[in-house]
N, C-alpha and C. Protein backbone atom coordinates (compact mmCIF):
# COMPACT_ATOMS: atom_id res chain seq x y z
N MET A 1 -21.66 19.35 8.75
CA MET A 1 -21.31 20.23 7.31
C MET A 1 -20.31 21.16 7.80
N LYS A 2 -20.17 21.81 9.04
CA LYS A 2 -19.10 22.48 9.41
C LYS A 2 -17.76 21.85 9.15
N ASN A 3 -17.61 20.77 9.72
CA ASN A 3 -16.36 19.92 9.58
C ASN A 3 -16.02 19.69 8.30
N ASP A 4 -17.15 19.29 7.27
CA ASP A 4 -16.85 19.23 5.92
C ASP A 4 -16.15 20.38 5.38
N THR A 5 -16.47 21.85 5.67
CA THR A 5 -15.92 22.75 5.11
C THR A 5 -14.41 22.82 5.38
N ARG A 6 -14.33 22.72 6.59
CA ARG A 6 -12.65 22.59 7.37
C ARG A 6 -12.07 21.55 6.35
N ILE A 7 -12.60 20.36 6.37
CA ILE A 7 -11.84 19.35 5.68
C ILE A 7 -11.49 19.86 4.51
N GLU A 8 -12.39 20.12 3.57
CA GLU A 8 -12.26 20.77 2.19
C GLU A 8 -11.24 21.72 2.14
N THR A 9 -11.09 22.72 3.10
CA THR A 9 -10.09 23.56 3.05
C THR A 9 -8.50 22.98 3.36
N LEU A 10 -8.69 21.91 4.33
CA LEU A 10 -7.38 21.29 4.69
C LEU A 10 -6.96 20.50 3.29
N LYS A 11 -8.14 19.95 2.45
CA LYS A 11 -7.61 18.93 1.30
C LYS A 11 -7.09 19.95 0.20
N ALA A 12 -7.61 21.17 0.29
CA ALA A 12 -7.14 22.06 -0.82
C ALA A 12 -5.49 22.66 -0.29
N GLU A 13 -5.26 22.58 0.80
CA GLU A 13 -3.93 22.96 1.49
C GLU A 13 -3.00 21.81 1.11
N VAL A 14 -3.63 20.54 1.16
CA VAL A 14 -2.80 19.29 0.76
C VAL A 14 -2.51 19.36 -0.67
N ALA A 15 -3.46 19.74 -1.58
CA ALA A 15 -3.29 19.62 -2.91
C ALA A 15 -2.46 20.77 -3.30
N LYS A 16 -2.31 22.11 -2.65
CA LYS A 16 -1.33 22.84 -3.02
C LYS A 16 0.06 22.75 -2.66
N LYS A 17 0.13 21.98 -1.46
CA LYS A 17 1.58 21.34 -1.25
C LYS A 17 2.01 20.30 -2.13
N LYS A 18 1.09 19.56 -2.67
CA LYS A 18 1.69 18.59 -3.73
C LYS A 18 1.90 19.13 -4.73
N LYS A 19 1.40 20.18 -5.28
CA LYS A 19 1.51 20.76 -6.61
C LYS A 19 2.83 21.47 -6.48
N ALA A 20 3.15 22.08 -5.18
CA ALA A 20 4.36 22.81 -5.11
C ALA A 20 5.55 21.86 -5.08
N LEU A 21 5.47 20.58 -4.57
CA LEU A 21 6.57 19.67 -4.71
C LEU A 21 6.89 19.21 -6.12
N GLY A 22 5.90 19.48 -7.04
CA GLY A 22 6.00 19.30 -8.52
C GLY A 22 6.03 17.85 -9.25
N LYS A 23 6.15 17.70 -10.16
CA LYS A 23 6.05 16.15 -10.88
C LYS A 23 6.99 15.38 -10.04
N LYS A 24 6.58 13.92 -9.89
CA LYS A 24 7.72 13.10 -9.42
C LYS A 24 8.73 13.09 -10.20
N VAL A 25 9.97 13.03 -9.46
CA VAL A 25 11.41 13.16 -10.20
C VAL A 25 11.85 11.68 -10.24
N ARG A 26 12.63 11.24 -11.29
CA ARG A 26 13.27 9.79 -11.29
C ARG A 26 14.72 10.07 -10.98
N PHE A 27 15.25 9.15 -10.21
CA PHE A 27 16.60 9.00 -10.17
C PHE A 27 17.40 8.39 -11.26
N GLU A 28 18.33 9.34 -11.85
CA GLU A 28 18.92 9.06 -13.14
C GLU A 28 20.23 9.31 -12.95
N PRO A 29 20.99 8.10 -12.55
CA PRO A 29 22.56 8.48 -12.14
C PRO A 29 23.29 8.57 -13.16
N ILE A 30 24.44 9.07 -12.79
CA ILE A 30 25.73 9.50 -13.50
C ILE A 30 26.61 8.33 -13.34
N THR A 31 26.83 7.81 -12.21
CA THR A 31 27.62 6.74 -12.02
C THR A 31 27.18 5.43 -11.83
N ASN A 32 27.84 4.36 -11.83
CA ASN A 32 27.06 3.15 -11.61
C ASN A 32 26.65 2.50 -10.35
N CYS A 33 26.45 3.71 -9.37
CA CYS A 33 25.79 3.49 -8.22
C CYS A 33 26.27 2.82 -7.27
N VAL A 34 27.54 2.12 -7.57
CA VAL A 34 28.43 1.37 -6.27
C VAL A 34 29.87 2.09 -5.98
N ILE A 35 30.01 2.58 -4.95
CA ILE A 35 31.02 3.34 -4.65
C ILE A 35 32.05 2.55 -3.60
N THR A 36 33.25 2.45 -4.16
CA THR A 36 34.07 1.91 -2.66
C THR A 36 34.57 2.97 -1.95
N LEU A 37 34.25 2.96 -0.63
CA LEU A 37 34.91 3.98 0.08
C LEU A 37 35.45 3.40 1.36
N ARG A 38 36.63 3.76 1.75
CA ARG A 38 37.17 2.90 2.98
C ARG A 38 37.09 1.32 2.84
N ASN A 39 37.37 1.01 1.65
CA ASN A 39 37.36 -0.41 1.66
C ASN A 39 35.77 -1.27 1.71
N HIS A 40 34.95 -0.49 1.74
CA HIS A 40 33.31 -0.59 1.64
C HIS A 40 32.76 -0.34 0.58
N ASN A 41 31.91 -1.50 -0.16
CA ASN A 41 31.21 -1.30 -1.32
C ASN A 41 29.79 -0.74 -0.79
N LEU A 42 29.69 0.21 -1.52
CA LEU A 42 28.28 1.03 -0.82
C LEU A 42 27.25 1.39 -2.27
N ASN A 43 26.21 0.64 -2.34
CA ASN A 43 25.23 0.70 -3.35
C ASN A 43 24.21 1.92 -3.07
N ILE A 44 24.51 3.07 -3.71
CA ILE A 44 23.31 4.18 -3.19
C ILE A 44 21.95 3.95 -3.65
N ASN A 45 21.72 2.87 -4.06
CA ASN A 45 20.33 2.42 -4.56
C ASN A 45 19.57 1.54 -3.23
N THR A 46 20.70 1.17 -2.60
CA THR A 46 20.21 0.28 -1.38
C THR A 46 20.37 1.15 -0.02
N LEU A 47 20.97 2.13 0.07
CA LEU A 47 21.11 2.78 1.25
C LEU A 47 19.92 3.53 1.89
N ASP A 48 19.63 3.59 3.09
CA ASP A 48 18.54 4.49 3.55
C ASP A 48 18.72 5.86 3.45
N LYS A 49 18.00 6.61 3.93
CA LYS A 49 18.07 7.95 3.98
C LYS A 49 19.05 8.48 4.82
N ASN A 50 19.20 8.02 6.07
CA ASN A 50 20.25 8.20 7.07
C ASN A 50 21.81 7.90 6.48
N ASP A 51 21.92 6.75 6.09
CA ASP A 51 23.38 6.32 5.50
C ASP A 51 23.43 7.34 4.00
N LEU A 52 22.54 7.70 3.29
CA LEU A 52 22.83 8.33 2.13
C LEU A 52 23.21 9.75 2.66
N THR A 53 22.80 10.38 3.72
CA THR A 53 22.95 11.71 4.25
C THR A 53 24.41 11.82 4.80
N VAL A 54 24.85 10.61 5.29
CA VAL A 54 26.32 10.41 5.97
C VAL A 54 27.32 10.48 4.79
N LEU A 55 26.81 9.70 3.62
CA LEU A 55 27.65 9.38 2.66
C LEU A 55 27.77 10.78 1.93
N ALA A 56 26.78 11.58 1.87
CA ALA A 56 26.76 12.90 1.02
C ALA A 56 27.72 13.85 1.89
N LEU A 57 27.60 13.74 3.15
CA LEU A 57 28.61 14.56 4.13
C LEU A 57 29.96 14.29 3.91
N ASP A 58 30.24 12.84 3.89
CA ASP A 58 31.71 12.16 3.67
C ASP A 58 32.06 12.92 2.22
N LEU A 59 31.30 12.74 1.04
CA LEU A 59 31.57 13.31 -0.13
C LEU A 59 31.69 14.46 -0.27
N SER A 60 31.04 15.37 0.46
CA SER A 60 31.04 16.91 0.49
C SER A 60 32.42 17.42 1.00
N SER A 61 32.94 16.80 2.07
CA SER A 61 34.26 17.02 2.72
C SER A 61 35.22 16.65 1.72
N LEU A 62 35.34 15.60 1.21
CA LEU A 62 36.13 14.97 0.18
C LEU A 62 36.36 16.16 -1.15
N ARG A 63 34.98 16.57 -1.48
CA ARG A 63 35.07 17.56 -2.59
C ARG A 63 35.66 18.86 -2.43
N LYS A 64 35.53 19.13 -0.93
CA LYS A 64 36.19 20.43 -0.48
C LYS A 64 37.87 20.30 -0.69
N GLU A 65 38.15 19.02 -0.03
CA GLU A 65 39.58 18.98 0.06
C GLU A 65 40.31 18.46 -1.14
N ASN A 66 39.39 17.86 -2.02
CA ASN A 66 39.81 17.59 -3.39
C ASN A 66 40.28 18.85 -4.27
N LYS A 67 39.34 19.94 -4.19
CA LYS A 67 39.60 21.17 -4.46
C LYS A 67 40.81 21.93 -4.03
N SER A 68 40.91 21.83 -2.64
CA SER A 68 41.72 22.85 -2.08
C SER A 68 43.18 22.15 -2.25
N LEU A 69 43.17 21.03 -2.39
CA LEU A 69 44.67 20.31 -2.59
C LEU A 69 44.71 20.04 -4.30
N LYS A 70 43.80 20.54 -5.13
CA LYS A 70 43.95 20.53 -6.46
C LYS A 70 44.29 18.91 -7.06
N LEU A 71 43.60 18.15 -6.27
CA LEU A 71 43.69 16.55 -6.52
C LEU A 71 42.65 16.19 -7.62
N ASP A 72 42.81 15.06 -8.32
CA ASP A 72 41.75 14.32 -9.12
C ASP A 72 41.38 13.03 -8.51
N LEU A 73 40.81 13.15 -7.36
CA LEU A 73 40.18 11.98 -6.67
C LEU A 73 39.29 11.44 -7.34
N SER A 74 39.23 10.16 -7.32
CA SER A 74 37.74 9.71 -8.15
C SER A 74 37.70 8.11 -7.11
N PHE A 75 36.54 7.62 -7.33
CA PHE A 75 36.21 6.34 -6.88
C PHE A 75 35.49 5.39 -7.95
N ASN A 76 35.96 4.31 -8.32
CA ASN A 76 35.35 3.45 -9.18
C ASN A 76 35.27 4.19 -10.54
N GLY A 77 36.01 5.14 -10.93
CA GLY A 77 36.03 5.72 -12.17
C GLY A 77 35.22 6.79 -12.32
N PHE A 78 34.61 7.12 -11.30
CA PHE A 78 33.92 8.44 -11.25
C PHE A 78 34.49 9.58 -10.30
N THR A 79 34.24 10.88 -10.67
CA THR A 79 34.71 11.71 -9.99
C THR A 79 34.15 11.83 -8.60
N VAL A 80 34.71 12.69 -7.64
CA VAL A 80 34.11 12.77 -6.34
C VAL A 80 32.54 13.75 -6.65
N ASP A 81 32.88 14.67 -7.29
CA ASP A 81 31.57 15.60 -7.84
C ASP A 81 30.53 14.60 -8.38
N GLU A 82 31.00 13.86 -9.30
CA GLU A 82 29.74 12.89 -9.83
C GLU A 82 29.20 12.16 -8.84
N TRP A 83 29.98 11.73 -7.92
CA TRP A 83 29.29 10.95 -6.77
C TRP A 83 28.46 11.51 -5.70
N PHE A 84 28.97 12.88 -5.71
CA PHE A 84 28.12 13.63 -4.80
C PHE A 84 26.90 14.01 -5.25
N THR A 85 26.89 14.10 -6.82
CA THR A 85 25.70 14.67 -7.53
C THR A 85 24.63 13.74 -7.48
N ASP A 86 25.24 12.23 -7.63
CA ASP A 86 24.42 11.19 -7.49
C ASP A 86 23.67 11.07 -6.11
N VAL A 87 24.47 10.98 -5.12
CA VAL A 87 23.93 10.80 -3.77
C VAL A 87 22.89 11.96 -3.54
N LYS A 88 23.23 13.29 -3.86
CA LYS A 88 22.20 14.43 -3.80
C LYS A 88 21.31 14.16 -4.48
N SER A 89 21.16 13.61 -5.58
CA SER A 89 19.74 13.56 -6.45
C SER A 89 19.16 12.30 -5.79
N LYS A 90 19.63 11.18 -5.44
CA LYS A 90 19.00 10.04 -4.53
C LYS A 90 18.21 10.45 -3.48
N LEU A 91 19.11 11.55 -2.67
CA LEU A 91 18.41 11.68 -1.48
C LEU A 91 17.15 12.81 -1.63
N ASP A 92 17.42 13.57 -2.71
CA ASP A 92 16.16 14.67 -3.11
C ASP A 92 14.97 13.74 -3.47
N VAL A 93 15.21 12.68 -4.49
CA VAL A 93 14.14 11.91 -4.92
C VAL A 93 13.28 11.15 -3.71
N MET A 94 14.45 10.51 -2.68
CA MET A 94 13.91 9.94 -1.78
C MET A 94 12.81 10.89 -0.85
N ILE A 95 13.27 11.99 -0.49
CA ILE A 95 12.46 13.16 0.39
C ILE A 95 11.33 13.46 -0.25
N GLN A 96 11.52 13.79 -1.60
CA GLN A 96 10.17 14.12 -2.38
C GLN A 96 9.23 13.03 -2.22
N LYS A 97 9.69 11.75 -2.25
CA LYS A 97 8.74 10.45 -2.33
C LYS A 97 8.18 10.42 -0.88
N GLU A 98 9.10 10.58 0.16
CA GLU A 98 8.39 10.67 1.51
C GLU A 98 7.43 11.77 1.96
N LYS A 99 7.39 12.99 1.20
CA LYS A 99 6.56 14.04 1.33
C LYS A 99 5.35 13.96 0.64
N ILE A 100 5.27 13.27 -0.60
CA ILE A 100 4.39 12.89 -1.38
C ILE A 100 3.45 11.87 -0.62
N LYS A 101 4.18 10.75 -0.27
CA LYS A 101 3.26 9.75 0.45
C LYS A 101 2.70 10.21 1.64
N SER A 102 3.30 11.10 2.38
CA SER A 102 2.87 11.76 3.81
C SER A 102 1.47 12.68 3.34
N LEU A 103 1.46 13.33 2.34
CA LEU A 103 0.44 14.24 1.87
C LEU A 103 -0.61 13.45 1.33
N GLU A 104 -0.48 12.31 0.79
CA GLU A 104 -1.49 11.20 0.23
C GLU A 104 -2.09 10.79 1.25
N LEU A 105 -1.41 10.34 2.44
CA LEU A 105 -1.95 9.75 3.55
C LEU A 105 -2.71 10.68 4.23
N VAL A 106 -2.55 12.09 4.47
CA VAL A 106 -3.40 13.09 5.00
C VAL A 106 -4.71 13.36 4.22
N GLU A 107 -4.38 13.36 2.85
CA GLU A 107 -5.54 13.42 1.77
C GLU A 107 -6.57 12.25 2.39
N LYS A 108 -6.12 10.97 2.21
CA LYS A 108 -7.01 9.91 2.54
C LYS A 108 -7.76 9.85 3.77
N LYS A 109 -6.81 10.35 4.78
CA LYS A 109 -7.48 10.47 6.07
C LYS A 109 -8.67 11.50 6.20
N LEU A 110 -8.48 12.61 5.35
CA LEU A 110 -9.43 13.76 5.58
C LEU A 110 -10.54 13.39 4.57
N THR A 111 -10.46 12.66 3.52
CA THR A 111 -11.69 12.08 2.76
C THR A 111 -12.75 11.09 3.49
N LYS A 112 -11.80 10.36 4.56
CA LYS A 112 -12.62 9.35 5.22
C LYS A 112 -13.50 10.33 6.27
N LEU A 113 -13.09 11.30 6.65
CA LEU A 113 -13.72 12.14 7.62
C LEU A 113 -14.93 12.90 7.33
N LEU A 114 -14.86 12.90 5.64
CA LEU A 114 -15.90 13.86 5.27
C LEU A 114 -17.48 12.98 5.50
N SER A 115 -18.69 13.94 5.73
CA SER A 115 -19.83 13.24 5.81
C SER A 115 -20.12 12.31 4.51
N GLY A 116 -20.90 11.29 4.94
CA GLY A 116 -21.56 10.66 3.92
C GLY A 116 -22.08 11.26 2.88
N GLU A 117 -22.84 12.44 2.97
CA GLU A 117 -23.58 13.08 1.97
C GLU A 117 -22.64 13.93 1.16
N LYS A 118 -21.38 14.33 1.71
CA LYS A 118 -20.26 15.10 1.01
C LYS A 118 -19.51 14.04 0.20
N GLN A 119 -19.27 13.20 0.71
CA GLN A 119 -18.54 11.94 -0.14
C GLN A 119 -19.55 11.58 -1.24
N THR A 120 -20.76 11.54 -1.34
CA THR A 120 -21.51 11.00 -2.41
C THR A 120 -21.54 12.40 -3.25
N GLU A 121 -21.76 13.64 -2.98
CA GLU A 121 -21.58 14.71 -3.77
C GLU A 121 -20.28 14.58 -4.58
N LEU A 122 -19.18 14.46 -3.92
CA LEU A 122 -17.73 14.53 -4.37
C LEU A 122 -17.96 13.15 -5.58
N ALA A 123 -18.40 12.23 -5.27
CA ALA A 123 -18.37 11.08 -6.32
C ALA A 123 -19.12 11.34 -7.36
N ILE A 124 -20.06 11.83 -7.39
CA ILE A 124 -21.13 12.45 -8.40
C ILE A 124 -20.48 13.56 -9.19
N ASP A 125 -19.78 14.40 -8.78
CA ASP A 125 -18.94 15.44 -9.35
C ASP A 125 -17.88 14.97 -10.22
N GLU A 126 -17.29 13.92 -9.62
CA GLU A 126 -16.23 13.14 -10.29
C GLU A 126 -16.61 12.43 -11.48
N LEU A 127 -17.90 11.67 -11.36
CA LEU A 127 -18.57 11.00 -12.36
C LEU A 127 -19.01 11.79 -13.54
N GLU A 128 -19.73 13.00 -12.95
CA GLU A 128 -19.99 14.13 -14.12
C GLU A 128 -18.83 14.56 -14.80
N SER A 129 -17.76 14.87 -14.03
CA SER A 129 -16.68 15.59 -14.91
C SER A 129 -16.18 14.54 -16.00
N MET A 130 -16.41 12.96 -15.73
CA MET A 130 -15.61 11.91 -16.45
C MET A 130 -16.82 11.88 -17.80
N ILE A 131 -18.10 12.14 -17.71
CA ILE A 131 -19.03 12.23 -18.67
C ILE A 131 -18.87 13.45 -19.71
N SER A 132 -18.43 14.52 -19.06
CA SER A 132 -18.08 15.74 -19.88
C SER A 132 -17.13 15.72 -20.92
């Protein structure tokens, strides 16, 4: 029973962190998601987190230089700012999904650790709330 109390406390912390992450966001691009940079076509929907981070850094540098030199640099018909916005948005969505997945894994493991009696109690509570 002592462990059940600790587990319930930890589950409450997990729920609090999940709530703080907010509603799952969806990636809604401005661009067509395929940028040609240094003679390479990159689809931001297929890049992993590391490659997206590198691309974001490249675009960030290009944004700064583009502004300081007062240029209108664009790739595939979209501005550097639009590409940067999309890459940053894709990264944010990816990071949020990773955090939610991690918290859900912790939550499942904690539930498995609850005593049989406590698991039964929670199942009954859930069923009771569905009837009410």
